Amino acid sequence: MLSRQFLVDRGYCCGHGCLMCPYIPKHIKGNTVMRKNILIVCALEIETQGQLEDWDPHDILYTGVGKVNATYELTKRLSTEGSINHDSRKTLVINYGTAGSRKIKKKTLVDCTKFVQRDMDVTGLGFMRGETPFEKKPPLMLESKSDFNPIGRNATCGTGDCFVEDKSQYYGEVVDMEAYALAKVCYNYDIPFISFKYITDGADEQAHEDWEKNLADGIQEFQEKILSQITT
């Protein structure tokens, strides 16, 4: 039987069903994702309720709210780690956070793998809503793939720098304020990315009240359905 350390040192999964396979998910030929190479990214510490101490500080990143903060903090982390040590480079970025939805019921944890910039609106110049003008890549709908996805719904997330409380800013199955920016950074770094969002509100007039009431419940769902799959 091959030792776990040997399999780690080899750097990739052979796909032959090794008992001590350290990769996530197991037994996927060519997979290079291990827990030590996974970065969890959240906007605010209040969303994790102090429940991710086991990942802190090296494998968790809090960016602050909005696309600019998300882009800056994740870019800084990935570029720094990549320049210091090749082995420290992340092979999977997992975003966890709260979100609103008019299509998915509240208090549901959903995976998002498709992302659009809902507040990018240059339709006046003939571009589609969500399309960044004069940019060839990525496409309007940014799809980020990850072999690791215990849920498998593959929802669409619309990201924008506003908290949605009416239909005018609603775009996608889920709405948030950071995921598109994080997905685009990972796209540029060629790192697999996936986002798990806990639906706290209906992106409506009661959104701010529902968010405050439900945000603390999401981290338990994330631990039970997502992190438990990694730690085991």
Protein backbone atom coordinates (compact mmCIF):
# COMPACT_ATOMS: atom_id res chain seq x y z
CA MET A 1 0.00 0.00 0.00
CA LEU A 2 1.35 3.43 -0.96
CA SER A 3 1.77 5.82 1.97
CA ARG A 4 -0.20 9.06 2.20
CA GLN A 5 3.04 11.06 2.20
CA PHE A 6 4.17 9.39 -1.02
CA LEU A 7 0.87 10.28 -2.67
CA VAL A 8 1.13 13.87 -1.41
CA ASP A 9 4.70 14.20 -2.68
CA ARG A 10 3.69 12.88 -6.09
CA GLY A 11 1.42 15.90 -6.46
CA TYR A 12 -1.50 14.39 -8.37
CA CYS A 13 -4.06 11.59 -8.15
CA CYS A 14 -3.43 8.46 -10.21
CA GLY A 15 -7.13 7.54 -10.25
CA HIS A 16 -6.45 3.94 -9.20
CA GLY A 17 -8.42 4.00 -5.95
CA CYS A 18 -5.52 4.27 -3.46
CA LEU A 19 -6.70 3.72 0.11
CA MET A 20 -4.69 6.68 1.43
CA CYS A 21 -5.63 9.07 -1.40
CA PRO A 22 -5.18 12.65 -0.05
CA TYR A 23 -6.91 14.43 -2.92
CA ILE A 24 -10.34 16.07 -2.90
CA PRO A 25 -12.45 14.48 -4.30
CA LYS A 26 -10.68 11.13 -4.13
CA HIS A 27 -9.72 8.88 -7.03
CA ILE A 28 -10.04 11.46 -9.82
CA LYS A 29 -7.11 10.97 -12.20
CA GLY A 30 -4.99 14.10 -12.48
CA ASN A 31 -6.65 15.87 -9.54
CA THR A 32 -4.19 18.06 -7.60
CA VAL A 33 -6.51 19.52 -4.95
CA MET A 34 -5.59 18.84 -1.32
CA ARG A 35 -6.88 20.52 1.81
CA LYS A 36 -3.61 22.42 2.32
CA ASN A 37 -4.08 23.95 -1.12
CA ILE A 38 -7.68 25.09 -0.56
CA LEU A 39 -8.42 28.72 0.28
CA ILE A 40 -11.77 29.68 1.80
CA VAL A 41 -12.79 33.26 1.01
CA CYS A 42 -15.52 35.18 2.82
CA ALA A 43 -16.51 38.83 2.86
CA LEU A 44 -17.12 39.26 6.59
CA GLU A 45 -16.16 37.43 9.77
CA ILE A 46 -19.73 37.82 11.01
CA GLU A 47 -20.80 35.37 8.28
CA THR A 48 -18.62 32.60 9.74
CA GLN A 49 -19.47 33.31 13.40
CA GLY A 50 -16.00 32.25 14.57
CA GLN A 51 -16.60 28.70 13.36
CA LEU A 52 -13.63 28.44 10.98
CA GLU A 53 -10.77 28.78 13.47
CA ASP A 54 -9.34 25.48 12.23
CA TRP A 55 -8.74 27.13 8.84
CA ASP A 56 -7.52 30.48 10.14
CA PRO A 57 -5.23 32.26 9.43
CA HIS A 58 -3.42 30.65 6.50
CA ASP A 59 -6.32 29.05 4.63
CA ILE A 60 -9.08 31.61 5.10
CA LEU A 61 -9.35 35.12 3.71
CA TYR A 62 -11.79 37.86 4.68
CA THR A 63 -12.00 40.46 1.92
CA GLY A 64 -14.51 43.02 3.09
CA VAL A 65 -17.68 43.91 1.18
CA GLY A 66 -17.94 44.57 -2.55
CA LYS A 67 -16.19 43.76 -5.81
CA VAL A 68 -13.23 46.11 -5.36
CA ASN A 69 -12.30 44.75 -1.93
CA ALA A 70 -12.82 41.16 -3.09
CA THR A 71 -10.63 41.64 -6.17
CA TYR A 72 -7.85 43.40 -4.30
CA GLU A 73 -7.60 41.03 -1.34
CA LEU A 74 -7.78 37.78 -3.33
CA THR A 75 -5.31 39.03 -5.95
CA LYS A 76 -2.89 40.07 -3.21
CA ARG A 77 -3.13 36.69 -1.48
CA LEU A 78 -2.72 34.59 -4.63
CA SER A 79 0.13 36.63 -6.06
CA THR A 80 2.02 36.69 -2.75
CA GLU A 81 1.72 32.97 -2.09
CA GLY A 82 2.61 32.07 -5.66
CA SER A 83 5.76 34.19 -5.59
CA ILE A 84 6.98 32.92 -2.21
CA ASN A 85 6.59 29.19 -2.65
CA HIS A 86 5.35 27.21 -5.64
CA ASP A 87 3.98 24.47 -3.35
CA SER A 88 1.84 26.99 -1.45
CA ARG A 89 -0.15 28.00 -4.52
CA LYS A 90 -3.86 27.31 -4.18
CA THR A 91 -5.46 24.68 -6.37
CA LEU A 92 -9.03 25.48 -5.29
CA VAL A 93 -10.72 28.63 -4.00
CA ILE A 94 -14.02 28.18 -2.15
CA ASN A 95 -16.17 31.22 -1.51
CA TYR A 96 -18.69 31.07 1.33
CA GLY A 97 -21.16 33.82 2.06
CA THR A 98 -24.74 34.90 2.45
CA ALA A 99 -26.97 35.91 -0.45
CA GLY A 100 -30.49 36.77 -1.50
CA SER A 101 -32.75 34.95 -3.94
CA ARG A 102 -36.24 35.23 -5.38
CA LYS A 103 -36.04 31.70 -6.83
CA ILE A 104 -34.49 29.62 -4.05
CA LYS A 105 -36.13 29.36 -0.65
CA LYS A 106 -34.57 31.00 2.38
CA LYS A 107 -32.23 29.03 4.67
CA THR A 108 -30.92 26.93 1.76
CA LEU A 109 -27.24 26.37 0.98
CA VAL A 110 -26.68 26.46 -2.78
CA ASP A 111 -23.62 26.07 -5.00
CA CYS A 112 -22.92 28.75 -7.60
CA THR A 113 -20.74 27.97 -10.63
CA LYS A 114 -21.97 30.63 -13.08
CA PHE A 115 -21.41 34.32 -12.43
CA VAL A 116 -22.52 37.59 -14.00
CA GLN A 117 -21.81 41.23 -13.10
CA ARG A 118 -25.39 42.39 -12.59
CA ASP A 119 -24.57 46.08 -12.12
CA MET A 120 -22.51 46.37 -15.31
CA ASP A 121 -24.99 48.12 -17.61
CA VAL A 122 -23.69 49.68 -20.82
CA THR A 123 -26.79 48.87 -22.86
CA GLY A 124 -26.87 52.49 -23.99
CA LEU A 125 -23.83 51.76 -26.18
CA GLY A 126 -25.28 48.55 -27.59
CA PHE A 127 -23.76 46.07 -25.12
CA MET A 128 -25.74 43.46 -23.24
CA ARG A 129 -26.51 43.96 -19.59
CA GLY A 130 -23.71 42.39 -17.58
CA GLU A 131 -21.24 42.64 -20.47
CA THR A 132 -17.99 44.51 -19.84
CA PRO A 133 -17.35 46.76 -22.87
CA PHE A 134 -14.42 45.98 -25.16
CA GLU A 135 -13.37 42.93 -23.15
CA LYS A 136 -12.91 39.70 -25.10
CA LYS A 137 -12.49 37.38 -22.11
CA PRO A 138 -14.15 36.13 -20.01
CA PRO A 139 -17.60 35.93 -21.65
CA LEU A 140 -20.63 37.71 -20.21
CA MET A 141 -21.53 34.64 -18.15
CA LEU A 142 -18.38 33.47 -16.39
CA GLU A 143 -18.46 29.73 -15.68
CA SER A 144 -16.01 28.40 -13.13
CA LYS A 145 -15.47 24.68 -12.82
CA SER A 146 -14.52 22.68 -9.76
CA ASP A 147 -14.32 18.91 -9.43
CA PHE A 148 -15.34 19.42 -5.81
CA ASN A 149 -19.05 20.18 -5.56
CA PRO A 150 -21.11 18.17 -3.05
CA ILE A 151 -24.37 19.97 -3.96
CA GLY A 152 -24.41 20.06 -7.76
CA ARG A 153 -27.17 22.58 -8.52
CA ASN A 154 -24.79 24.88 -10.44
CA ALA A 155 -26.75 28.05 -9.80
CA THR A 156 -26.15 31.44 -11.43
CA CYS A 157 -25.01 34.27 -9.16
CA GLY A 158 -25.46 37.95 -10.06
CA THR A 159 -22.89 40.13 -8.31
CA GLY A 160 -23.14 43.88 -7.82
CA ASP A 161 -22.12 46.67 -5.48
CA CYS A 162 -25.56 47.10 -3.99
CA PHE A 163 -27.70 45.19 -1.51
CA VAL A 164 -30.78 44.05 -3.43
CA GLU A 165 -34.14 45.05 -2.01
CA ASP A 166 -36.18 45.35 -5.21
CA LYS A 167 -36.46 43.83 -8.69
CA SER A 168 -34.45 46.53 -10.47
CA GLN A 169 -31.09 45.05 -9.41
CA TYR A 170 -32.09 41.40 -9.55
CA TYR A 171 -30.19 39.28 -12.08
CA GLY A 172 -29.58 35.53 -11.72
CA GLU A 173 -30.89 32.89 -9.35
CA VAL A 174 -28.80 34.30 -6.48
CA VAL A 175 -27.58 37.86 -5.81
CA ASP A 176 -24.50 38.84 -3.82
CA MET A 177 -21.74 41.48 -3.74
CA GLU A 178 -18.44 39.59 -4.26
CA ALA A 179 -18.64 36.25 -6.09
CA TYR A 180 -18.21 37.48 -9.68
CA ALA A 181 -15.09 39.41 -8.71
CA LEU A 182 -13.61 36.37 -6.95
CA ALA A 183 -14.49 34.11 -9.88
CA LYS A 184 -12.83 36.48 -12.33
CA VAL A 185 -9.61 36.64 -10.31
CA CYS A 186 -9.52 32.84 -10.23
CA TYR A 187 -10.27 32.76 -13.96
CA ASN A 188 -7.26 34.98 -14.61
CA TYR A 189 -5.05 32.87 -12.33
CA ASP A 190 -6.44 29.63 -13.84
CA ILE A 191 -7.50 28.33 -10.42
CA PRO A 192 -10.72 26.30 -9.98
CA PHE A 193 -13.35 28.27 -8.08
CA ILE A 194 -16.72 27.50 -6.54
CA SER A 195 -19.08 29.55 -4.40
CA PHE A 196 -21.48 28.29 -1.75
CA LYS A 197 -24.17 30.76 -0.74
CA TYR A 198 -26.58 30.53 2.16
CA ILE A 199 -29.86 32.16 1.17
CA THR A 200 -30.79 34.52 3.97
CA ASP A 201 -33.42 36.66 2.28
CA GLY A 202 -35.71 37.07 -0.71
CA ALA A 203 -33.93 40.08 -2.23
CA ASP A 204 -37.01 42.15 -1.48
CA GLU A 205 -38.26 44.87 0.85
CA GLN A 206 -37.64 42.66 3.91
CA ALA A 207 -34.12 41.66 2.82
CA HIS A 208 -32.21 43.62 5.46
CA GLU A 209 -34.33 42.22 8.30
CA ASP A 210 -34.12 38.63 7.01
CA TRP A 211 -30.36 38.87 6.45
CA GLU A 212 -29.73 39.91 10.04
CA LYS A 213 -32.04 37.20 11.35
CA ASN A 214 -30.71 34.29 9.28
CA LEU A 215 -27.02 34.94 8.59
CA ALA A 216 -25.77 33.08 11.69
CA ASP A 217 -27.40 29.80 10.60
CA GLY A 218 -25.53 29.44 7.33
CA ILE A 219 -22.09 28.54 8.65
CA GLN A 220 -23.43 25.35 10.26
CA GLU A 221 -24.88 24.24 6.93
CA PHE A 222 -21.57 25.04 5.23
CA GLN A 223 -19.64 22.98 7.78
CA GLU A 224 -21.99 20.00 7.62
CA LYS A 225 -22.47 19.83 3.84
CA ILE A 226 -19.17 21.18 2.51
CA LEU A 227 -16.30 21.24 4.98
CA SER A 228 -17.14 17.79 6.32
CA GLN A 229 -16.50 16.44 2.81
CA ILE A 230 -13.03 18.00 2.87
CA THR A 231 -11.93 17.00 6.36
CA THR A 232 -12.95 13.38 5.82
